[in-house]
């Protein structure tokens, strides 16, 4: 009688799994910060697609698009800063020109 454990693994189980083009794969696209917090957050959100199968990318892309559109809309909605008042009145002559010698 032998105490050896019978090999139950088949040759097929030892072979590497086949390449699946729909499997999640990071794109490793660099995302450069813009300096605008809302936009940068949306760009980072794109990284979530790296861990999803391709059929899950659409949801992430639509979410990012919506967030970027909202950020741009918010920029348009902000009131413009009024121009500073002129430091002098252009209609009145300067005191130094009002007197001649």
C-alpha atoms as a PDB file:
ATOM      1  CA  UNK A   1       0.000   0.000   0.000  1.00  0.00           C
ATOM      2  CA  UNK A   2       1.268   3.426  -0.881  1.00  0.00           C
ATOM      3  CA  UNK A   3       0.708   6.594   1.167  1.00  0.00           C
ATOM      4  CA  UNK A   4       1.269   8.823  -1.860  1.00  0.00           C
ATOM      5  CA  UNK A   5      -1.549  11.196  -2.708  1.00  0.00           C
ATOM      6  CA  UNK A   6      -2.882  10.572  -6.197  1.00  0.00           C
ATOM      7  CA  UNK A   7      -2.481  13.492  -8.581  1.00  0.00           C
ATOM      8  CA  UNK A   8      -5.969  14.839  -9.176  1.00  0.00           C
ATOM      9  CA  UNK A   9      -4.980  17.883 -11.220  1.00  0.00           C
ATOM     10  CA  UNK A  10      -5.420  17.412 -14.917  1.00  0.00           C
ATOM     11  CA  UNK A  11      -3.201  18.949 -17.551  1.00  0.00           C
ATOM     12  CA  UNK A  12      -5.976  21.361 -18.535  1.00  0.00           C
ATOM     13  CA  UNK A  13      -6.127  22.823 -14.989  1.00  0.00           C
ATOM     14  CA  UNK A  14      -2.392  23.620 -15.092  1.00  0.00           C
ATOM     15  CA  UNK A  15      -2.608  25.589 -18.343  1.00  0.00           C
ATOM     16  CA  UNK A  16      -2.819  29.377 -18.057  1.00  0.00           C
ATOM     17  CA  UNK A  17      -6.314  30.790 -18.596  1.00  0.00           C
ATOM     18  CA  UNK A  18      -6.990  32.074 -22.093  1.00  0.00           C
ATOM     19  CA  UNK A  19      -6.799  35.788 -22.834  1.00  0.00           C
ATOM     20  CA  UNK A  20     -10.177  37.418 -22.355  1.00  0.00           C
ATOM     21  CA  UNK A  21     -10.381  40.799 -24.132  1.00  0.00           C
ATOM     22  CA  UNK A  22     -13.441  41.741 -22.053  1.00  0.00           C
ATOM     23  CA  UNK A  23     -11.606  41.159 -18.776  1.00  0.00           C
ATOM     24  CA  UNK A  24     -10.722  44.254 -16.723  1.00  0.00           C
ATOM     25  CA  UNK A  25      -7.356  45.737 -17.641  1.00  0.00           C
ATOM     26  CA  UNK A  26      -5.988  49.091 -16.476  1.00  0.00           C
ATOM     27  CA  UNK A  27      -5.452  51.573 -19.283  1.00  0.00           C
ATOM     28  CA  UNK A  28      -2.718  53.350 -17.302  1.00  0.00           C
ATOM     29  CA  UNK A  29      -3.540  56.659 -18.957  1.00  0.00           C
ATOM     30  CA  UNK A  30      -1.940  59.455 -16.932  1.00  0.00           C
ATOM     31  CA  UNK A  31      -4.396  61.918 -15.460  1.00  0.00           C
ATOM     32  CA  UNK A  32      -2.805  65.331 -14.975  1.00  0.00           C
ATOM     33  CA  UNK A  33      -4.401  67.460 -12.236  1.00  0.00           C
ATOM     34  CA  UNK A  34      -6.073  70.618 -13.513  1.00  0.00           C
ATOM     35  CA  UNK A  35      -6.072  72.539 -10.252  1.00  0.00           C
ATOM     36  CA  UNK A  36      -9.878  72.639 -10.237  1.00  0.00           C
ATOM     37  CA  UNK A  37     -11.074  70.282  -7.494  1.00  0.00           C
ATOM     38  CA  UNK A  38     -14.364  69.300  -9.150  1.00  0.00           C
ATOM     39  CA  UNK A  39     -12.728  68.480 -12.485  1.00  0.00           C
ATOM     40  CA  UNK A  40      -9.854  66.603 -10.830  1.00  0.00           C
ATOM     41  CA  UNK A  41     -12.343  64.466  -8.887  1.00  0.00           C
ATOM     42  CA  UNK A  42     -14.085  63.522 -12.135  1.00  0.00           C
ATOM     43  CA  UNK A  43     -10.774  62.655 -13.805  1.00  0.00           C
ATOM     44  CA  UNK A  44      -9.894  60.391 -10.885  1.00  0.00           C
ATOM     45  CA  UNK A  45     -13.310  58.758 -11.252  1.00  0.00           C
ATOM     46  CA  UNK A  46     -12.198  57.595 -14.708  1.00  0.00           C
ATOM     47  CA  UNK A  47      -9.766  55.287 -12.908  1.00  0.00           C
ATOM     48  CA  UNK A  48     -12.742  53.267 -11.673  1.00  0.00           C
ATOM     49  CA  UNK A  49     -13.200  51.960 -15.207  1.00  0.00           C
ATOM     50  CA  UNK A  50      -9.786  50.256 -15.003  1.00  0.00           C
ATOM     51  CA  UNK A  51     -11.220  47.594 -12.695  1.00  0.00           C
ATOM     52  CA  UNK A  52     -14.427  46.944 -14.608  1.00  0.00           C
ATOM     53  CA  UNK A  53     -15.178  44.785 -17.592  1.00  0.00           C
ATOM     54  CA  UNK A  54     -15.762  46.787 -20.763  1.00  0.00           C
ATOM     55  CA  UNK A  55     -19.522  46.536 -20.404  1.00  0.00           C
ATOM     56  CA  UNK A  56     -19.217  48.475 -17.127  1.00  0.00           C
ATOM     57  CA  UNK A  57     -17.244  51.383 -18.612  1.00  0.00           C
ATOM     58  CA  UNK A  58     -20.297  53.149 -20.005  1.00  0.00           C
ATOM     59  CA  UNK A  59     -21.728  53.836 -16.553  1.00  0.00           C
ATOM     60  CA  UNK A  60     -18.444  55.392 -15.384  1.00  0.00           C
ATOM     61  CA  UNK A  61     -18.043  57.482 -18.551  1.00  0.00           C
ATOM     62  CA  UNK A  62     -21.610  58.781 -18.322  1.00  0.00           C
ATOM     63  CA  UNK A  63     -21.118  59.648 -14.652  1.00  0.00           C
ATOM     64  CA  UNK A  64     -17.884  61.528 -15.409  1.00  0.00           C
ATOM     65  CA  UNK A  65     -19.474  63.329 -18.356  1.00  0.00           C
ATOM     66  CA  UNK A  66     -22.386  64.423 -16.170  1.00  0.00           C
ATOM     67  CA  UNK A  67     -19.986  65.660 -13.466  1.00  0.00           C
ATOM     68  CA  UNK A  68     -17.849  67.621 -15.929  1.00  0.00           C
ATOM     69  CA  UNK A  69     -20.935  69.148 -17.513  1.00  0.00           C
ATOM     70  CA  UNK A  70     -22.188  70.202 -14.062  1.00  0.00           C
ATOM     71  CA  UNK A  71     -18.804  71.753 -13.233  1.00  0.00           C
ATOM     72  CA  UNK A  72     -18.853  73.771 -16.478  1.00  0.00           C
ATOM     73  CA  UNK A  73     -22.443  74.844 -15.903  1.00  0.00           C
ATOM     74  CA  UNK A  74     -21.519  76.041 -12.410  1.00  0.00           C
ATOM     75  CA  UNK A  75     -18.778  78.214 -13.901  1.00  0.00           C
ATOM     76  CA  UNK A  76     -21.310  79.889 -16.178  1.00  0.00           C
ATOM     77  CA  UNK A  77     -23.746  80.446 -13.314  1.00  0.00           C
ATOM     78  CA  UNK A  78     -21.282  82.295 -11.095  1.00  0.00           C
ATOM     79  CA  UNK A  79     -21.751  86.073 -11.108  1.00  0.00           C
ATOM     80  CA  UNK A  80     -18.944  87.925 -12.776  1.00  0.00           C
ATOM     81  CA  UNK A  81     -16.720  90.061 -10.626  1.00  0.00           C
ATOM     82  CA  UNK A  82     -17.541  93.701 -11.300  1.00  0.00           C
ATOM     83  CA  UNK A  83     -14.764  95.759 -12.790  1.00  0.00           C
ATOM     84  CA  UNK A  84     -13.020  97.971 -10.250  1.00  0.00           C
ATOM     85  CA  UNK A  85     -14.126 101.608 -10.347  1.00  0.00           C
ATOM     86  CA  UNK A  86     -11.717 103.946 -12.106  1.00  0.00           C
ATOM     87  CA  UNK A  87      -9.221 105.607  -9.821  1.00  0.00           C
ATOM     88  CA  UNK A  88     -10.071 108.983 -11.318  1.00  0.00           C
ATOM     89  CA  UNK A  89     -12.955 110.658 -13.079  1.00  0.00           C
ATOM     90  CA  UNK A  90     -12.108 111.070 -16.757  1.00  0.00           C
ATOM     91  CA  UNK A  91     -14.540 113.963 -17.147  1.00  0.00           C
ATOM     92  CA  UNK A  92     -12.918 116.307 -14.622  1.00  0.00           C
ATOM     93  CA  UNK A  93      -9.519 117.772 -15.400  1.00  0.00           C
ATOM     94  CA  UNK A  94      -6.660 117.100 -13.089  1.00  0.00           C
ATOM     95  CA  UNK A  95      -6.077 119.883 -10.512  1.00  0.00           C
ATOM     96  CA  UNK A  96      -2.592 120.462 -11.892  1.00  0.00           C
ATOM     97  CA  UNK A  97      -3.993 121.334 -15.334  1.00  0.00           C
ATOM     98  CA  UNK A  98      -6.624 123.694 -13.955  1.00  0.00           C
ATOM     99  CA  UNK A  99      -4.165 126.436 -13.035  1.00  0.00           C
ATOM    100  CA  UNK A 100      -1.787 127.992 -15.474  1.00  0.00           C
ATOM    101  CA  UNK A 101       0.972 130.388 -14.735  1.00  0.00           C
END
